Amino acid sequence: MTTMTDRMGALGRAELTLLVRNRYALFVALGMPLLMVGFMRSSLDQVGLEKTGMSALEASLSGGIVMALLLVVYLNLVSAYVARREELVLKRLRTGEASDREILAGTALPAAVLAVAQCALMVAAGTAFLDVRAPQRPDLLVLGTVLGVVLLTGLAAATAGFTRTVESAQITTMPLFVVTSIGSGLFLPLEVFPEKVASVCELLPLTGVMTLVRAGWLGGGDAGELAGAAATALVWIAVSVFAVRRWFRWEPRR
């Protein structure tokens, strides 16, 4: 009898093969995060960051970590889940030993590993070559990254439940992508927003993750703020799990 690790490993290897063969998905996973960091850097040059305590480069690189998670995990996985569902792969997998949780996690494994590797590379390159301060709280940086991967995997599966085709995934993923990019502090730190706007943005799905990542790399944030950020991320993870159980589809939409 195969173990859970064996089953997830096999699913992950199969999904990695499909990812490598899909040039568009591979470009989104490898090239888009770097392009977005460059765009964020040029945009932040036009914004006064004096009261945030960080430079434009530090803001763009720390925001780039969550952007990499958003692009590599969320955007890729919505398309992957929809494609496997419409091709009846998910239906066939459910007839085997793998549980539903293992199927979803195994499908997400390559994207998650690739996203974490890109985040680690971004931190290493920024610290070694771009004169960005070394991570001040590595534990918070790791926690934020892990919570981000788990949350975006859940949100990807939930979004897939409302997505009819792989082509329409470009539309159904857009609301979360746009709202998160603007309101969760990826492009602009929340400190530059009016206080009331910032208070609303703090409740968005990835704001807690962004707060932990930025505090882990650049420092700052008191214990209450960091605990609130972690709690926000955990609440959204619980919401995403509920949404997946309620609305995820294992067979093609008709």
Protein backbone atom coordinates (compact mmCIF):
# COMPACT_ATOMS: atom_id res chain seq x y z
CA MET A 1 0.00 0.00 0.00
CA THR A 2 1.33 3.42 -0.89
CA THR A 3 1.73 6.12 1.74
CA MET A 4 0.34 9.63 1.65
CA THR A 5 3.83 10.95 0.86
CA ASP A 6 4.14 8.56 -2.09
CA ARG A 7 0.75 9.55 -3.48
CA MET A 8 1.36 13.29 -3.14
CA GLY A 9 4.84 12.92 -4.60
CA ALA A 10 3.46 11.13 -7.65
CA LEU A 11 0.77 13.77 -8.13
CA GLY A 12 3.35 16.52 -7.72
CA ARG A 13 5.70 15.00 -10.30
CA ALA A 14 2.88 14.61 -12.81
CA GLU A 15 1.76 18.21 -12.27
CA LEU A 16 5.33 19.47 -12.61
CA THR A 17 5.64 17.71 -15.98
CA LEU A 18 2.46 19.40 -17.18
CA LEU A 19 3.65 22.77 -15.89
CA VAL A 20 6.94 22.51 -17.77
CA ARG A 21 5.10 21.64 -20.99
CA ASN A 22 2.77 24.63 -20.67
CA ARG A 23 4.84 27.58 -21.88
CA TYR A 24 2.32 30.20 -20.82
CA ALA A 25 2.04 28.82 -17.29
CA LEU A 26 5.80 28.49 -17.08
CA PHE A 27 6.27 32.12 -18.12
CA VAL A 28 3.74 33.26 -15.50
CA ALA A 29 5.56 31.23 -12.87
CA LEU A 30 9.13 32.23 -13.75
CA GLY A 31 9.03 35.54 -15.60
CA MET A 32 6.02 37.49 -14.36
CA PRO A 33 7.15 37.92 -10.73
CA LEU A 34 10.40 39.54 -11.85
CA LEU A 35 8.60 41.81 -14.31
CA MET A 36 6.11 42.85 -11.66
CA VAL A 37 8.87 43.68 -9.18
CA GLY A 38 10.45 45.94 -11.80
CA PHE A 39 7.10 47.62 -12.44
CA MET A 40 6.50 48.07 -8.72
CA ARG A 41 9.97 49.59 -8.30
CA SER A 42 9.35 52.21 -11.00
CA SER A 43 5.90 53.01 -9.59
CA LEU A 44 7.18 53.48 -6.05
CA ASP A 45 9.77 56.00 -7.24
CA GLN A 46 6.84 58.37 -7.75
CA VAL A 47 5.45 57.89 -4.24
CA GLY A 48 6.73 59.49 -1.05
CA LEU A 49 7.75 56.66 1.28
CA GLU A 50 9.39 58.82 3.95
CA LYS A 51 6.92 57.93 6.71
CA THR A 52 7.04 54.20 5.93
CA GLY A 53 10.68 53.77 6.98
CA MET A 54 11.60 51.84 3.83
CA SER A 55 13.12 52.64 0.48
CA ALA A 56 11.35 52.08 -2.84
CA LEU A 57 13.62 49.09 -3.49
CA GLU A 58 12.84 47.52 -0.12
CA ALA A 59 9.11 48.10 -0.59
CA SER A 60 9.10 46.60 -4.08
CA LEU A 61 11.16 43.54 -3.14
CA SER A 62 9.14 42.73 -0.03
CA GLY A 63 5.93 43.27 -2.00
CA GLY A 64 7.43 41.11 -4.73
CA ILE A 65 7.45 38.10 -2.42
CA VAL A 66 3.68 38.16 -2.03
CA MET A 67 3.32 39.02 -5.72
CA ALA A 68 5.30 35.86 -6.56
CA LEU A 69 2.95 33.82 -4.37
CA LEU A 70 -0.06 35.41 -6.04
CA LEU A 71 1.20 34.76 -9.57
CA VAL A 72 2.82 31.36 -9.14
CA VAL A 73 0.40 29.75 -6.70
CA TYR A 74 -2.98 31.42 -7.25
CA LEU A 75 -3.04 32.16 -10.98
CA ASN A 76 -1.41 28.89 -12.00
CA LEU A 77 -3.45 26.70 -9.68
CA VAL A 78 -6.85 28.03 -10.73
CA SER A 79 -6.04 27.06 -14.32
CA ALA A 80 -4.56 23.73 -13.22
CA TYR A 81 -7.57 22.72 -11.13
CA VAL A 82 -10.01 23.70 -13.87
CA ALA A 83 -8.01 21.89 -16.56
CA ARG A 84 -7.72 18.68 -14.53
CA ARG A 85 -11.44 18.81 -13.73
CA GLU A 86 -12.53 19.32 -17.34
CA GLU A 87 -10.17 16.55 -18.51
CA LEU A 88 -11.77 14.19 -15.92
CA VAL A 89 -8.41 13.75 -14.19
CA LEU A 90 -9.80 14.74 -10.80
CA LYS A 91 -12.73 12.36 -11.18
CA ARG A 92 -10.39 9.46 -11.98
CA LEU A 93 -8.06 10.32 -9.10
CA ARG A 94 -10.93 10.15 -6.64
CA THR A 95 -11.47 6.48 -7.52
CA GLY A 96 -7.98 5.64 -6.22
CA GLU A 97 -6.39 5.68 -2.79
CA ALA A 98 -5.72 9.41 -2.65
CA SER A 99 -8.08 11.49 -0.51
CA ASP A 100 -9.59 14.74 -1.73
CA ARG A 101 -7.14 16.70 0.39
CA GLU A 102 -4.18 14.80 -1.06
CA ILE A 103 -5.37 15.39 -4.62
CA LEU A 104 -5.67 19.14 -4.10
CA ALA A 105 -2.39 19.40 -2.20
CA GLY A 106 -0.48 17.18 -4.64
CA THR A 107 -1.66 19.27 -7.57
CA ALA A 108 -0.51 22.41 -5.75
CA LEU A 109 2.89 21.02 -4.71
CA PRO A 110 5.02 22.09 -7.73
CA ALA A 111 3.61 25.62 -7.74
CA ALA A 112 4.13 25.95 -3.99
CA VAL A 113 7.74 24.74 -4.15
CA LEU A 114 8.51 26.98 -7.12
CA ALA A 115 6.96 30.02 -5.38
CA VAL A 116 8.93 29.45 -2.18
CA ALA A 117 12.14 29.00 -4.19
CA GLN A 118 11.51 32.30 -6.00
CA CYS A 119 10.87 34.06 -2.70
CA ALA A 120 14.11 32.69 -1.23
CA LEU A 121 16.02 33.76 -4.35
CA MET A 122 14.50 37.24 -4.14
CA VAL A 123 15.60 37.63 -0.52
CA ALA A 124 19.09 36.29 -1.22
CA ALA A 125 19.61 38.49 -4.30
CA GLY A 126 18.25 41.59 -2.58
CA THR A 127 20.47 41.12 0.43
CA ALA A 128 23.62 40.13 -1.44
CA PHE A 129 23.53 42.37 -4.51
CA LEU A 130 21.03 45.20 -4.01
CA ASP A 131 22.11 46.49 -0.61
CA VAL A 132 18.79 45.64 1.05
CA ARG A 133 18.97 44.88 4.76
CA ALA A 134 19.05 41.21 5.73
CA PRO A 135 15.82 39.70 7.11
CA GLN A 136 15.24 41.13 10.58
CA ARG A 137 12.80 38.42 11.70
CA PRO A 138 13.29 35.29 9.56
CA ASP A 139 10.63 33.48 11.59
CA LEU A 140 7.98 36.01 10.57
CA LEU A 141 9.17 35.93 6.96
CA VAL A 142 8.81 32.14 6.85
CA LEU A 143 5.46 32.25 8.65
CA GLY A 144 4.06 34.82 6.25
CA THR A 145 5.25 32.86 3.22
CA VAL A 146 3.80 29.57 4.46
CA LEU A 147 0.46 31.16 5.36
CA GLY A 148 0.41 32.81 1.94
CA VAL A 149 0.95 29.51 0.13
CA VAL A 150 -1.77 27.75 2.13
CA LEU A 151 -4.23 30.63 1.75
CA LEU A 152 -3.69 31.06 -1.98
CA THR A 153 -4.00 27.31 -2.57
CA GLY A 154 -7.37 27.38 -0.84
CA LEU A 155 -8.48 30.49 -2.72
CA ALA A 156 -7.36 28.94 -6.01
CA ALA A 157 -9.45 25.82 -5.38
CA ALA A 158 -12.42 27.97 -4.36
CA THR A 159 -12.09 30.16 -7.46
CA ALA A 160 -11.84 27.05 -9.66
CA GLY A 161 -15.29 26.06 -8.43
CA PHE A 162 -16.73 29.15 -10.14
CA THR A 163 -14.57 28.91 -13.27
CA ARG A 164 -16.06 27.09 -16.25
CA THR A 165 -13.04 26.87 -18.55
CA VAL A 166 -9.28 27.39 -18.47
CA GLU A 167 -9.73 30.44 -20.68
CA SER A 168 -12.22 32.05 -18.30
CA ALA A 169 -9.74 31.64 -15.43
CA GLN A 170 -8.10 34.84 -16.67
CA ILE A 171 -11.35 36.62 -15.81
CA THR A 172 -12.30 34.90 -12.54
CA THR A 173 -8.85 35.43 -11.04
CA MET A 174 -8.76 39.14 -11.89
CA PRO A 175 -10.81 40.51 -8.95
CA LEU A 176 -8.57 39.02 -6.26
CA PHE A 177 -5.43 39.91 -8.20
CA VAL A 178 -6.40 43.56 -8.67
CA VAL A 179 -7.81 44.10 -5.17
CA THR A 180 -4.82 42.43 -3.53
CA SER A 181 -2.24 44.24 -5.65
CA ILE A 182 -3.71 47.63 -4.83
CA GLY A 183 -5.15 47.19 -1.35
CA SER A 184 -2.91 44.71 0.46
CA GLY A 185 0.27 46.78 0.32
CA LEU A 186 2.06 45.05 -2.54
CA PHE A 187 2.34 48.10 -4.78
CA LEU A 188 1.85 50.77 -2.14
CA PRO A 189 2.47 50.28 1.60
CA LEU A 190 -0.69 50.86 3.61
CA GLU A 191 1.04 53.70 5.48
CA VAL A 192 0.61 55.96 2.43
CA PHE A 193 -3.18 55.48 2.39
CA PRO A 194 -5.66 57.57 4.41
CA GLU A 195 -6.30 56.00 7.81
CA LYS A 196 -9.88 54.90 7.07
CA VAL A 197 -8.89 53.34 3.75
CA ALA A 198 -5.95 51.55 5.38
CA SER A 199 -8.24 50.15 8.09
CA VAL A 200 -10.49 48.57 5.45
CA CYS A 201 -7.51 47.25 3.48
CA GLU A 202 -6.20 45.51 6.59
CA LEU A 203 -9.13 43.08 6.31
CA LEU A 204 -8.31 41.92 2.76
CA PRO A 205 -7.20 38.29 2.32
CA LEU A 206 -3.48 38.88 1.73
CA THR A 207 -2.90 41.96 3.87
CA GLY A 208 -2.01 39.86 6.92
CA VAL A 209 0.46 37.84 4.86
CA MET A 210 1.99 41.03 3.46
CA THR A 211 2.33 42.52 6.94
CA LEU A 212 4.15 39.43 8.24
CA VAL A 213 6.45 39.22 5.22
CA ARG A 214 7.39 42.89 5.33
CA ALA A 215 7.95 42.83 9.10
CA GLY A 216 10.00 39.65 8.77
CA TRP A 217 12.29 41.13 6.16
CA LEU A 218 12.46 44.82 7.05
CA GLY A 219 11.50 44.81 10.73
CA GLY A 220 8.88 46.92 12.47
CA GLY A 221 5.41 46.13 13.70
CA ASP A 222 4.45 45.63 17.33
CA ALA A 223 3.27 42.34 18.82
CA GLY A 224 -0.40 43.29 18.61
CA GLU A 225 -0.18 44.27 14.95
CA LEU A 226 1.65 41.08 14.03
CA ALA A 227 -0.78 38.89 15.98
CA GLY A 228 -3.66 40.62 14.22
CA ALA A 229 -2.02 40.03 10.84
CA ALA A 230 -1.57 36.32 11.57
CA ALA A 231 -5.17 36.07 12.82
CA THR A 232 -6.48 37.74 9.65
CA ALA A 233 -4.58 35.25 7.49
CA LEU A 234 -5.86 32.29 9.53
CA VAL A 235 -9.46 33.50 9.32
CA TRP A 236 -9.20 33.79 5.52
CA ILE A 237 -7.67 30.30 5.36
CA ALA A 238 -10.69 28.99 7.28
CA VAL A 239 -13.02 30.86 4.89
CA SER A 240 -11.23 29.40 1.86
CA VAL A 241 -11.45 25.86 3.28
CA PHE A 242 -15.19 26.30 3.82
CA ALA A 243 -15.59 27.64 0.28
CA VAL A 244 -13.70 24.68 -1.19
CA ARG A 245 -15.81 22.16 0.71
CA ARG A 246 -18.99 23.94 -0.31
CA TRP A 247 -18.36 24.85 -3.94
CA PHE A 248 -15.38 22.99 -5.40
CA ARG A 249 -16.42 20.77 -8.32
CA TRP A 250 -14.78 17.45 -9.09
CA GLU A 251 -16.55 16.86 -12.39
CA PRO A 252 -16.86 19.05 -15.50
CA ARG A 253 -19.34 21.91 -15.35
CA ARG A 254 -22.23 21.40 -17.76
